[in-house]
PDB file of all heavy atoms in Angstrom:
ATOM      1  N   LEU A   1      63.022  96.910  91.250  1.00  0.00           N
ATOM      2  CA  LEU A   1      64.521  96.913  91.075  1.00  0.00           C
ATOM      3  C   LEU A   1      64.869  95.581  90.284  1.00  0.00           C
ATOM      4  O   LEU A   1      65.391  94.705  90.854  1.00  0.00           O
ATOM      5  CB  LEU A   1      65.229  96.978  92.366  1.00  0.00           C
ATOM      6  CG  LEU A   1      65.085  98.407  93.052  1.00  0.00           C
ATOM      7  CD1 LEU A   1      65.930  98.397  94.361  1.00  0.00           C
ATOM      8  CD2 LEU A   1      65.456  99.523  92.180  1.00  0.00           C
ATOM      9  N   ASP A   2      64.600  95.649  88.992  1.00  0.00           N
ATOM     10  CA  ASP A   2      65.098  94.585  88.082  1.00  0.00           C
ATOM     11  C   ASP A   2      66.548  94.675  87.974  1.00  0.00           C
ATOM     12  O   ASP A   2      67.262  95.644  88.513  1.00  0.00           O
ATOM     13  CB  ASP A   2      64.371  94.603  86.760  1.00  0.00           C
ATOM     14  CG  ASP A   2      64.474  95.860  85.996  1.00  0.00           C
ATOM     15  OD1 ASP A   2      65.480  96.607  86.259  1.00  0.00           O
ATOM     16  OD2 ASP A   2      63.651  96.184  85.173  1.00  0.00           O
ATOM     17  N   ASN A   3      67.179  93.775  87.174  1.00  0.00           N
ATOM     18  CA  ASN A   3      68.664  93.854  87.042  1.00  0.00           C
ATOM     19  C   ASN A   3      69.143  95.109  86.571  1.00  0.00           C
ATOM     20  O   ASN A   3      70.167  95.646  87.061  1.00  0.00           O
ATOM     21  CB  ASN A   3      69.105  92.695  86.105  1.00  0.00           C
ATOM     22  CG  ASN A   3      68.971  91.266  86.698  1.00  0.00           C
ATOM     23  OD1 ASN A   3      68.730  91.180  87.938  1.00  0.00           O
ATOM     24  ND2 ASN A   3      69.144  90.259  85.909  1.00  0.00           N
ATOM     25  N   ASN A   4      68.445  95.694  85.566  1.00  0.00           N
ATOM     26  CA  ASN A   4      68.938  96.965  84.959  1.00  0.00           C
ATOM     27  C   ASN A   4      68.840  98.139  85.995  1.00  0.00           C
ATOM     28  O   ASN A   4      69.760  98.921  86.133  1.00  0.00           O
ATOM     29  CB  ASN A   4      68.216  97.274  83.723  1.00  0.00           C
ATOM     30  CG  ASN A   4      68.961  98.189  82.808  1.00  0.00           C
ATOM     31  OD1 ASN A   4      69.962  97.846  82.265  1.00  0.00           O
ATOM     32  ND2 ASN A   4      68.449  99.379  82.535  1.00  0.00           N
ATOM     33  N   ASN A   5      67.743  98.241  86.643  1.00  0.00           N
ATOM     34  CA  ASN A   5      67.551  99.241  87.642  1.00  0.00           C
ATOM     35  C   ASN A   5      68.518  99.111  88.809  1.00  0.00           C
ATOM     36  O   ASN A   5      69.118 100.081  89.350  1.00  0.00           O
ATOM     37  CB  ASN A   5      66.122  99.315  88.168  1.00  0.00           C
ATOM     38  CG  ASN A   5      65.122  99.973  87.282  1.00  0.00           C
ATOM     39  OD1 ASN A   5      65.518 100.782  86.473  1.00  0.00           O
ATOM     40  ND2 ASN A   5      63.931  99.705  87.443  1.00  0.00           N
ATOM     41  N   ARG A   6      68.819  97.864  89.229  1.00  0.00           N
ATOM     42  CA  ARG A   6      69.743  97.665  90.271  1.00  0.00           C
ATOM     43  C   ARG A   6      71.128  98.142  89.860  1.00  0.00           C
ATOM     44  O   ARG A   6      71.870  98.642  90.663  1.00  0.00           O
ATOM     45  CB  ARG A   6      69.813  96.196  90.678  1.00  0.00           C
ATOM     46  CG  ARG A   6      68.622  95.736  91.490  1.00  0.00           C
ATOM     47  CD  ARG A   6      68.854  94.570  92.347  1.00  0.00           C
ATOM     48  NE  ARG A   6      69.735  93.534  91.861  1.00  0.00           N
ATOM     49  CZ  ARG A   6      69.407  92.569  90.969  1.00  0.00           C
ATOM     50  NH1 ARG A   6      68.155  92.534  90.564  1.00  0.00           N
ATOM     51  NH2 ARG A   6      70.295  91.709  90.525  1.00  0.00           N
ATOM     52  N   ARG A   7      71.530  97.915  88.596  1.00  0.00           N
ATOM     53  CA  ARG A   7      72.829  98.438  88.119  1.00  0.00           C
ATOM     54  C   ARG A   7      72.888  99.917  88.138  1.00  0.00           C
ATOM     55  O   ARG A   7      73.889 100.525  88.576  1.00  0.00           O
ATOM     56  CB  ARG A   7      73.043  97.913  86.680  1.00  0.00           C
ATOM     57  CG  ARG A   7      73.339  96.400  86.670  1.00  0.00           C
ATOM     58  CD  ARG A   7      73.668  95.865  85.247  1.00  0.00           C
ATOM     59  NE  ARG A   7      73.798  94.413  85.293  1.00  0.00           N
ATOM     60  CZ  ARG A   7      73.023  93.501  84.722  1.00  0.00           C
ATOM     61  NH1 ARG A   7      72.019  93.894  83.972  1.00  0.00           N
ATOM     62  NH2 ARG A   7      73.329  92.232  84.837  1.00  0.00           N
ATOM     63  N   LEU A   8      71.797 100.617  87.712  1.00  0.00           N
ATOM     64  CA  LEU A   8      71.760 102.062  87.753  1.00  0.00           C
ATOM     65  C   LEU A   8      71.916 102.532  89.153  1.00  0.00           C
ATOM     66  O   LEU A   8      72.677 103.461  89.479  1.00  0.00           O
ATOM     67  CB  LEU A   8      70.464 102.581  87.142  1.00  0.00           C
ATOM     68  CG  LEU A   8      70.261 102.404  85.675  1.00  0.00           C
ATOM     69  CD1 LEU A   8      68.876 102.763  85.244  1.00  0.00           C
ATOM     70  CD2 LEU A   8      71.295 103.322  84.907  1.00  0.00           C
ATOM     71  N   VAL A   9      71.219 101.923  90.132  1.00  0.00           N
ATOM     72  CA  VAL A   9      71.264 102.327  91.509  1.00  0.00           C
ATOM     73  C   VAL A   9      72.637 102.103  92.147  1.00  0.00           C
ATOM     74  O   VAL A   9      73.208 102.915  92.791  1.00  0.00           O
ATOM     75  CB  VAL A   9      70.131 101.693  92.299  1.00  0.00           C
ATOM     76  CG1 VAL A   9      70.310 101.957  93.773  1.00  0.00           C
ATOM     77  CG2 VAL A   9      68.750 102.151  91.873  1.00  0.00           C
ATOM     78  N   ALA A  10      73.148 100.905  91.842  1.00  0.00           N
ATOM     79  CA  ALA A  10      74.533 100.513  92.412  1.00  0.00           C
ATOM     80  C   ALA A  10      75.576 101.493  91.919  1.00  0.00           C
ATOM     81  O   ALA A  10      76.431 101.928  92.746  1.00  0.00           O
ATOM     82  CB  ALA A  10      74.821  99.123  91.990  1.00  0.00           C
ATOM     83  N   GLN A  11      75.502 101.904  90.653  1.00  0.00           N
ATOM     84  CA  GLN A  11      76.476 102.793  90.164  1.00  0.00           C
ATOM     85  C   GLN A  11      76.341 104.221  90.810  1.00  0.00           C
ATOM     86  O   GLN A  11      77.365 104.849  91.133  1.00  0.00           O
ATOM     87  CB  GLN A  11      76.314 102.925  88.611  1.00  0.00           C
ATOM     88  CG  GLN A  11      76.861 101.763  87.782  1.00  0.00           C
ATOM     89  CD  GLN A  11      78.297 101.616  87.773  1.00  0.00           C
ATOM     90  OE1 GLN A  11      78.961 102.607  87.907  1.00  0.00           O
ATOM     91  NE2 GLN A  11      78.818 100.381  87.613  1.00  0.00           N
ATOM     92  N   GLY A  12      75.088 104.623  91.001  1.00  0.00           N
ATOM     93  CA  GLY A  12      74.899 105.878  91.669  1.00  0.00           C
ATOM     94  C   GLY A  12      75.384 105.920  93.105  1.00  0.00           C
ATOM     95  O   GLY A  12      76.049 106.766  93.592  1.00  0.00           O
ATOM     96  N   LEU A  13      75.050 104.833  93.848  1.00  0.00           N
ATOM     97  CA  LEU A  13      75.439 104.735  95.220  1.00  0.00           C
ATOM     98  C   LEU A  13      76.981 104.700  95.363  1.00  0.00           C
ATOM     99  O   LEU A  13      77.533 105.282  96.291  1.00  0.00           O
ATOM    100  CB  LEU A  13      74.832 103.494  95.868  1.00  0.00           C
ATOM    101  CG  LEU A  13      73.317 103.565  96.209  1.00  0.00           C
ATOM    102  CD1 LEU A  13      72.892 102.213  96.730  1.00  0.00           C
ATOM    103  CD2 LEU A  13      72.985 104.731  97.130  1.00  0.00           C
ATOM    104  N   ARG A  14      77.615 103.999  94.438  1.00  0.00           N
ATOM    105  CA  ARG A  14      79.084 103.886  94.503  1.00  0.00           C
ATOM    106  C   ARG A  14      79.719 105.283  94.339  1.00  0.00           C
ATOM    107  O   ARG A  14      80.649 105.593  95.065  1.00  0.00           O
ATOM    108  CB  ARG A  14      79.572 102.989  93.368  1.00  0.00           C
ATOM    109  CG  ARG A  14      81.049 102.723  93.378  1.00  0.00           C
ATOM    110  CD  ARG A  14      81.377 101.653  92.404  1.00  0.00           C
ATOM    111  NE  ARG A  14      80.730 100.384  92.754  1.00  0.00           N
ATOM    112  CZ  ARG A  14      80.319  99.470  91.830  1.00  0.00           C
ATOM    113  NH1 ARG A  14      80.471  99.637  90.599  1.00  0.00           N
ATOM    114  NH2 ARG A  14      79.699  98.378  92.306  1.00  0.00           N
ATOM    115  N   ARG A  15      79.140 106.055  93.537  1.00  0.00           N
ATOM    116  CA  ARG A  15      79.691 107.474  93.271  1.00  0.00           C
ATOM    117  C   ARG A  15      79.440 108.335  94.535  1.00  0.00           C
ATOM    118  O   ARG A  15      80.228 109.105  94.978  1.00  0.00           O
ATOM    119  CB  ARG A  15      79.180 108.111  92.059  1.00  0.00           C
ATOM    120  CG  ARG A  15      79.844 107.512  90.811  1.00  0.00           C
ATOM    121  CD  ARG A  15      79.071 107.792  89.538  1.00  0.00           C
ATOM    122  NE  ARG A  15      79.892 107.373  88.389  1.00  0.00           N
ATOM    123  CZ  ARG A  15      80.024 106.033  88.065  1.00  0.00           C
ATOM    124  NH1 ARG A  15      79.316 105.069  88.681  1.00  0.00           N
ATOM    125  NH2 ARG A  15      80.764 105.703  87.074  1.00  0.00           N
ATOM    126  N   ILE A  16      78.242 108.186  95.153  1.00  0.00           N
ATOM    127  CA  ILE A  16      77.870 108.932  96.343  1.00  0.00           C
ATOM    128  C   ILE A  16      78.867 108.596  97.450  1.00  0.00           C
ATOM    129  O   ILE A  16      79.380 109.472  98.140  1.00  0.00           O
ATOM    130  CB  ILE A  16      76.458 108.682  96.784  1.00  0.00           C
ATOM    131  CG1 ILE A  16      75.490 109.301  95.699  1.00  0.00           C
ATOM    132  CG2 ILE A  16      76.201 109.310  98.160  1.00  0.00           C
ATOM    133  CD1 ILE A  16      74.020 108.878  95.927  1.00  0.00           C
ATOM    134  N   ARG A  17      79.104 107.300  97.652  1.00  0.00           N
ATOM    135  CA  ARG A  17      79.998 106.846  98.728  1.00  0.00           C
ATOM    136  C   ARG A  17      81.399 107.352  98.504  1.00  0.00           C
ATOM    137  O   ARG A  17      82.141 107.553  99.508  1.00  0.00           O
ATOM    138  CB  ARG A  17      79.976 105.366  98.852  1.00  0.00           C
ATOM    139  CG  ARG A  17      78.630 104.777  99.347  1.00  0.00           C
ATOM    140  CD  ARG A  17      78.624 103.307  99.152  1.00  0.00           C
ATOM    141  NE  ARG A  17      77.289 102.690  99.418  1.00  0.00           N
ATOM    142  CZ  ARG A  17      76.900 101.544  98.883  1.00  0.00           C
ATOM    143  NH1 ARG A  17      77.654 100.848  98.069  1.00  0.00           N
ATOM    144  NH2 ARG A  17      75.720 101.088  99.179  1.00  0.00           N
ATOM    145  N   ALA A  18      81.786 107.519  97.260  1.00  0.00           N
ATOM    146  CA  ALA A  18      83.118 108.006  96.947  1.00  0.00           C
ATOM    147  C   ALA A  18      83.185 109.606  97.004  1.00  0.00           C
ATOM    148  O   ALA A  18      84.233 110.126  96.702  1.00  0.00           O
ATOM    149  CB  ALA A  18      83.522 107.556  95.557  1.00  0.00           C
ATOM    150  N   GLY A  19      82.116 110.218  97.340  1.00  0.00           N
ATOM    151  CA  GLY A  19      82.086 111.678  97.426  1.00  0.00           C
ATOM    152  C   GLY A  19      81.823 112.328  96.074  1.00  0.00           C
ATOM    153  O   GLY A  19      81.945 113.545  96.029  1.00  0.00           O
ATOM    154  N   GLN A  20      81.497 111.586  95.070  1.00  0.00           N
ATOM    155  CA  GLN A  20      81.310 112.145  93.711  1.00  0.00           C
ATOM    156  C   GLN A  20      79.812 112.343  93.466  1.00  0.00           C
ATOM    157  O   GLN A  20      79.129 111.459  92.796  1.00  0.00           O
ATOM    158  CB  GLN A  20      81.886 111.157  92.618  1.00  0.00           C
ATOM    159  CG  GLN A  20      83.372 110.950  92.843  1.00  0.00           C
ATOM    160  CD  GLN A  20      83.858 109.779  92.069  1.00  0.00           C
ATOM    161  OE1 GLN A  20      83.088 109.079  91.306  1.00  0.00           O
ATOM    162  NE2 GLN A  20      85.104 109.381  92.261  1.00  0.00           N
ATOM    163  N   MET A  21      79.310 113.436  94.024  1.00  0.00           N
ATOM    164  CA  MET A  21      77.804 113.691  93.871  1.00  0.00           C
ATOM    165  C   MET A  21      77.576 115.159  93.707  1.00  0.00           C
ATOM    166  O   MET A  21      78.467 116.021  93.927  1.00  0.00           O
ATOM    167  CB  MET A  21      77.132 113.154  95.122  1.00  0.00           C
ATOM    168  CG  MET A  21      77.338 114.017  96.358  1.00  0.00           C
ATOM    169  SD  MET A  21      77.019 113.193  97.902  1.00  0.00           S
ATOM    170  CE  MET A  21      78.599 112.544  98.252  1.00  0.00           C
ATOM    171  N   GLN A  22      76.327 115.496  93.294  1.00  0.00           N
ATOM    172  CA  GLN A  22      76.022 116.894  93.130  1.00  0.00           C
ATOM    173  C   GLN A  22      75.980 117.540  94.506  1.00  0.00           C
ATOM    174  O   GLN A  22      75.698 116.922  95.553  1.00  0.00           O
ATOM    175  CB  GLN A  22      74.560 116.952  92.482  1.00  0.00           C
ATOM    176  CG  GLN A  22      74.616 116.685  91.018  1.00  0.00           C
ATOM    177  CD  GLN A  22      74.773 115.162  90.712  1.00  0.00           C
ATOM    178  OE1 GLN A  22      74.453 114.337  91.576  1.00  0.00           O
ATOM    179  NE2 GLN A  22      75.393 114.873  89.562  1.00  0.00           N
ATOM    180  N   ALA A  23      76.174 118.860  94.558  1.00  0.00           N
ATOM    181  CA  ALA A  23      76.178 119.549  95.837  1.00  0.00           C
ATOM    182  C   ALA A  23      74.860 119.440  96.591  1.00  0.00           C
ATOM    183  O   ALA A  23      74.850 119.325  97.846  1.00  0.00           O
ATOM    184  CB  ALA A  23      76.475 121.006  95.567  1.00  0.00           C
ATOM    185  N   GLY A  24      73.770 119.400  95.851  1.00  0.00           N
ATOM    186  CA  GLY A  24      72.453 119.242  96.494  1.00  0.00           C
ATOM    187  C   GLY A  24      72.237 117.847  97.216  1.00  0.00           C
ATOM    188  O   GLY A  24      71.636 117.816  98.275  1.00  0.00           O
ATOM    189  N   ILE A  25      72.753 116.873  96.543  1.00  0.00           N
ATOM    190  CA  ILE A  25      72.600 115.524  97.172  1.00  0.00           C
ATOM    191  C   ILE A  25      73.455 115.484  98.453  1.00  0.00           C
ATOM    192  O   ILE A  25      73.030 114.957  99.497  1.00  0.00           O
ATOM    193  CB  ILE A  25      73.051 114.413  96.206  1.00  0.00           C
ATOM    194  CG1 ILE A  25      71.986 114.277  95.064  1.00  0.00           C
ATOM    195  CG2 ILE A  25      73.268 113.077  96.900  1.00  0.00           C
ATOM    196  CD1 ILE A  25      72.208 113.137  94.146  1.00  0.00           C
ATOM    197  N   ARG A  26      74.689 116.004  98.395  1.00  0.00           N
ATOM    198  CA  ARG A  26      75.531 116.117  99.637  1.00  0.00           C
ATOM    199  C   ARG A  26      74.772 116.919 100.712  1.00  0.00           C
ATOM    200  O   ARG A  26      74.781 116.498 101.866  1.00  0.00           O
ATOM    201  CB  ARG A  26      76.862 116.684  99.348  1.00  0.00           C
ATOM    202  CG  ARG A  26      77.815 116.736 100.471  1.00  0.00           C
ATOM    203  CD  ARG A  26      79.099 117.458 100.172  1.00  0.00           C
ATOM    204  NE  ARG A  26      79.819 116.716  99.190  1.00  0.00           N
ATOM    205  CZ  ARG A  26      80.597 115.637  99.447  1.00  0.00           C
ATOM    206  NH1 ARG A  26      80.711 115.159 100.671  1.00  0.00           N
ATOM    207  NH2 ARG A  26      81.324 115.049  98.489  1.00  0.00           N
ATOM    208  N   ALA A  27      74.227 118.008 100.327  1.00  0.00           N
ATOM    209  CA  ALA A  27      73.456 118.862 101.310  1.00  0.00           C
ATOM    210  C   ALA A  27      72.245 118.140 101.905  1.00  0.00           C
ATOM    211  O   ALA A  27      72.016 118.308 103.077  1.00  0.00           O
ATOM    212  CB  ALA A  27      73.119 120.170 100.632  1.00  0.00           C
ATOM    213  N   LEU A  28      71.590 117.389 101.104  1.00  0.00           N
ATOM    214  CA  LEU A  28      70.449 116.621 101.587  1.00  0.00           C
ATOM    215  C   LEU A  28      70.839 115.528 102.577  1.00  0.00           C
ATOM    216  O   LEU A  28      70.131 115.312 103.584  1.00  0.00           O
ATOM    217  CB  LEU A  28      69.674 116.014 100.415  1.00  0.00           C
ATOM    218  CG  LEU A  28      68.860 116.991  99.563  1.00  0.00           C
ATOM    219  CD1 LEU A  28      68.385 116.377  98.274  1.00  0.00           C
ATOM    220  CD2 LEU A  28      67.632 117.525 100.419  1.00  0.00           C
ATOM    221  N   PHE A  29      72.010 114.898 102.338  1.00  0.00           N
ATOM    222  CA  PHE A  29      72.501 113.941 103.286  1.00  0.00           C
ATOM    223  C   PHE A  29      72.769 114.619 104.632  1.00  0.00           C
ATOM    224  O   PHE A  29      72.433 114.146 105.718  1.00  0.00           O
ATOM    225  CB  PHE A  29      73.810 113.251 102.778  1.00  0.00           C
ATOM    226  CG  PHE A  29      73.559 112.021 102.035  1.00  0.00           C
ATOM    227  CD1 PHE A  29      73.496 111.990 100.671  1.00  0.00           C
ATOM    228  CD2 PHE A  29      73.418 110.823 102.704  1.00  0.00           C
ATOM    229  CE1 PHE A  29      73.272 110.809  99.974  1.00  0.00           C
ATOM    230  CE2 PHE A  29      73.234 109.593 102.016  1.00  0.00           C
ATOM    231  CZ  PHE A  29      73.135 109.577 100.623  1.00  0.00           C
ATOM    232  N   ASP A  30      73.407 115.788 104.552  1.00  0.00           N
ATOM    233  CA  ASP A  30      73.691 116.533 105.799  1.00  0.00           C
ATOM    234  C   ASP A  30      72.452 116.952 106.471  1.00  0.00           C
ATOM    235  O   ASP A  30      72.295 116.863 107.715  1.00  0.00           O
ATOM    236  CB  ASP A  30      74.536 117.737 105.425  1.00  0.00           C
ATOM    237  CG  ASP A  30      75.937 117.432 104.968  1.00  0.00           C
ATOM    238  OD1 ASP A  30      76.443 116.299 105.234  1.00  0.00           O
ATOM    239  OD2 ASP A  30      76.573 118.331 104.323  1.00  0.00           O
ATOM    240  N   ALA A  31      71.454 117.492 105.760  1.00  0.00           N
ATOM    241  CA  ALA A  31      70.211 117.953 106.353  1.00  0.00           C
ATOM    242  C   ALA A  31      69.463 116.790 107.014  1.00  0.00           C
ATOM    243  O   ALA A  31      68.785 116.936 108.029  1.00  0.00           O
ATOM    244  CB  ALA A  31      69.329 118.602 105.297  1.00  0.00           C
ATOM    245  N   ALA A  32      69.598 115.607 106.451  1.00  0.00           N
ATOM    246  CA  ALA A  32      68.907 114.456 106.965  1.00  0.00           C
ATOM    247  C   ALA A  32      69.666 113.750 108.124  1.00  0.00           C
ATOM    248  O   ALA A  32      69.189 112.744 108.668  1.00  0.00           O
ATOM    249  CB  ALA A  32      68.627 113.404 105.820  1.00  0.00           C
ATOM    250  N   GLY A  33      70.964 114.219 108.333  1.00  0.00           N
ATOM    251  CA  GLY A  33      71.756 113.550 109.383  1.00  0.00           C
ATOM    252  C   GLY A  33      72.244 112.162 109.029  1.00  0.00           C
ATOM    253  O   GLY A  33      72.480 111.312 109.847  1.00  0.00           O
ATOM    254  N   ARG A  34      72.431 111.959 107.694  1.00  0.00           N
ATOM    255  CA  ARG A  34      72.885 110.665 107.194  1.00  0.00           C
ATOM    256  C   ARG A  34      74.282 110.885 106.604  1.00  0.00           C
ATOM    257  O   ARG A  34      74.691 111.914 106.242  1.00  0.00           O
ATOM    258  CB  ARG A  34      71.933 110.159 106.022  1.00  0.00           C
ATOM    259  CG  ARG A  34      70.467 110.165 106.426  1.00  0.00           C
ATOM    260  CD  ARG A  34      70.120 109.178 107.501  1.00  0.00           C
ATOM    261  NE  ARG A  34      70.331 107.810 107.065  1.00  0.00           N
ATOM    262  CZ  ARG A  34      70.036 106.744 107.839  1.00  0.00           C
ATOM    263  NH1 ARG A  34      69.496 106.944 109.051  1.00  0.00           N
ATOM    264  NH2 ARG A  34      70.261 105.472 107.443  1.00  0.00           N
ATOM    265  N   ARG A  35      74.967 109.679 106.575  1.00  0.00           N
ATOM    266  CA  ARG A  35      76.422 109.776 106.149  1.00  0.00           C
ATOM    267  C   ARG A  35      76.485 109.287 104.609  1.00  0.00           C
ATOM    268  O   ARG A  35      76.156 108.168 104.272  1.00  0.00           O
ATOM    269  CB  ARG A  35      77.237 108.792 106.990  1.00  0.00           C
ATOM    270  CG  ARG A  35      77.342 109.200 108.444  1.00  0.00           C
ATOM    271  CD  ARG A  35      77.963 108.135 109.363  1.00  0.00           C
ATOM    272  NE  ARG A  35      79.271 107.704 108.789  1.00  0.00           N
ATOM    273  CZ  ARG A  35      79.488 106.431 108.594  1.00  0.00           C
ATOM    274  NH1 ARG A  35      78.623 105.500 108.664  1.00  0.00           N
ATOM    275  NH2 ARG A  35      80.793 106.128 108.175  1.00  0.00           N
ATOM    276  N   ALA A  36      76.907 110.241 103.821  1.00  0.00           N
ATOM    277  CA  ALA A  36      77.003 109.986 102.383  1.00  0.00           C
ATOM    278  C   ALA A  36      77.954 108.819 102.057  1.00  0.00           C
ATOM    279  O   ALA A  36      77.804 108.023 101.159  1.00  0.00           O
ATOM    280  CB  ALA A  36      77.372 111.222 101.598  1.00  0.00           C
ATOM    281  N   GLU A  37      79.035 108.738 102.892  1.00  0.00           N
ATOM    282  CA  GLU A  37      80.092 107.729 102.628  1.00  0.00           C
ATOM    283  C   GLU A  37      79.557 106.288 102.916  1.00  0.00           C
ATOM    284  O   GLU A  37      80.199 105.360 102.475  1.00  0.00           O
ATOM    285  CB  GLU A  37      81.316 107.994 103.407  1.00  0.00           C
ATOM    286  CG  GLU A  37      81.165 107.955 104.923  1.00  0.00           C
ATOM    287  CD  GLU A  37      80.780 109.338 105.537  1.00  0.00           C
ATOM    288  OE1 GLU A  37      80.274 110.185 104.780  1.00  0.00           O
ATOM    289  OE2 GLU A  37      81.092 109.542 106.722  1.00  0.00           O
ATOM    290  N   ALA A  38      78.422 106.165 103.578  1.00  0.00           N
ATOM    291  CA  ALA A  38      77.823 104.901 103.834  1.00  0.00           C
ATOM    292  C   ALA A  38      76.390 104.825 103.230  1.00  0.00           C
ATOM    293  O   ALA A  38      75.515 104.117 103.728  1.00  0.00           O
ATOM    294  CB  ALA A  38      77.738 104.622 105.354  1.00  0.00           C
ATOM    295  N   ALA A  39      76.178 105.544 102.089  1.00  0.00           N
ATOM    296  CA  ALA A  39      74.903 105.641 101.501  1.00  0.00           C
ATOM    297  C   ALA A  39      74.249 104.299 101.180  1.00  0.00           C
ATOM    298  O   ALA A  39      74.972 103.387 100.700  1.00  0.00           O
ATOM    299  CB  ALA A  39      74.944 106.546 100.249  1.00  0.00           C
ATOM    300  N   THR A  40      72.970 104.200 101.385  1.00  0.00           N
ATOM    301  CA  THR A  40      72.192 103.018 101.124  1.00  0.00           C
ATOM    302  C   THR A  40      70.912 103.369 100.316  1.00  0.00           C
ATOM    303  O   THR A  40      70.576 104.516 100.289  1.00  0.00           O
ATOM    304  CB  THR A  40      71.794 102.273 102.422  1.00  0.00           C
ATOM    305  OG1 THR A  40      70.861 103.104 103.123  1.00  0.00           O
ATOM    306  CG2 THR A  40      72.983 101.983 103.265  1.00  0.00           C
ATOM    307  N   THR A  41      70.234 102.374  99.799  1.00  0.00           N
ATOM    308  CA  THR A  41      68.979 102.587  99.263  1.00  0.00           C
ATOM    309  C   THR A  41      67.984 103.144 100.232  1.00  0.00           C
ATOM    310  O   THR A  41      67.090 103.878  99.874  1.00  0.00           O
ATOM    311  CB  THR A  41      68.421 101.304  98.564  1.00  0.00           C
ATOM    312  OG1 THR A  41      68.481 100.243  99.499  1.00  0.00           O
ATOM    313  CG2 THR A  41      69.177 100.916  97.333  1.00  0.00           C
ATOM    314  N   PHE A  42      68.131 102.744 101.520  1.00  0.00           N
ATOM    315  CA  PHE A  42      67.267 103.220 102.595  1.00  0.00           C
ATOM    316  C   PHE A  42      67.317 104.722 102.653  1.00  0.00           C
ATOM    317  O   PHE A  42      66.366 105.469 102.829  1.00  0.00           O
ATOM    318  CB  PHE A  42      67.616 102.599 103.885  1.00  0.00           C
ATOM    319  CG  PHE A  42      66.729 103.003 105.058  1.00  0.00           C
ATOM    320  CD1 PHE A  42      65.572 102.324 105.301  1.00  0.00           C
ATOM    321  CD2 PHE A  42      67.075 104.109 105.814  1.00  0.00           C
ATOM    322  CE1 PHE A  42      64.715 102.736 106.360  1.00  0.00           C
ATOM    323  CE2 PHE A  42      66.253 104.564 106.838  1.00  0.00           C
ATOM    324  CZ  PHE A  42      65.075 103.904 107.141  1.00  0.00           C
ATOM    325  N   ASP A  43      68.588 105.269 102.540  1.00  0.00           N
ATOM    326  CA  ASP A  43      68.809 106.730 102.557  1.00  0.00           C
ATOM    327  C   ASP A  43      68.040 107.421 101.474  1.00  0.00           C
ATOM    328  O   ASP A  43      67.338 108.453 101.642  1.00  0.00           O
ATOM    329  CB  ASP A  43      70.266 107.068 102.399  1.00  0.00           C
ATOM    330  CG  ASP A  43      71.059 106.581 103.656  1.00  0.00           C
ATOM    331  OD1 ASP A  43      70.541 106.640 104.805  1.00  0.00           O
ATOM    332  OD2 ASP A  43      72.154 106.137 103.570  1.00  0.00           O
TER     333      ASP A  43
END
């Protein structure tokens, strides 16, 4: 996770937390029992 990769990841996580994600990603959060609004790199 160099600076550029961290920016890409941060931007993606920000959208996931805001509910702006593909239906499949939302469904995977639900299937895993994780909260998309608090998404982390660990998730």
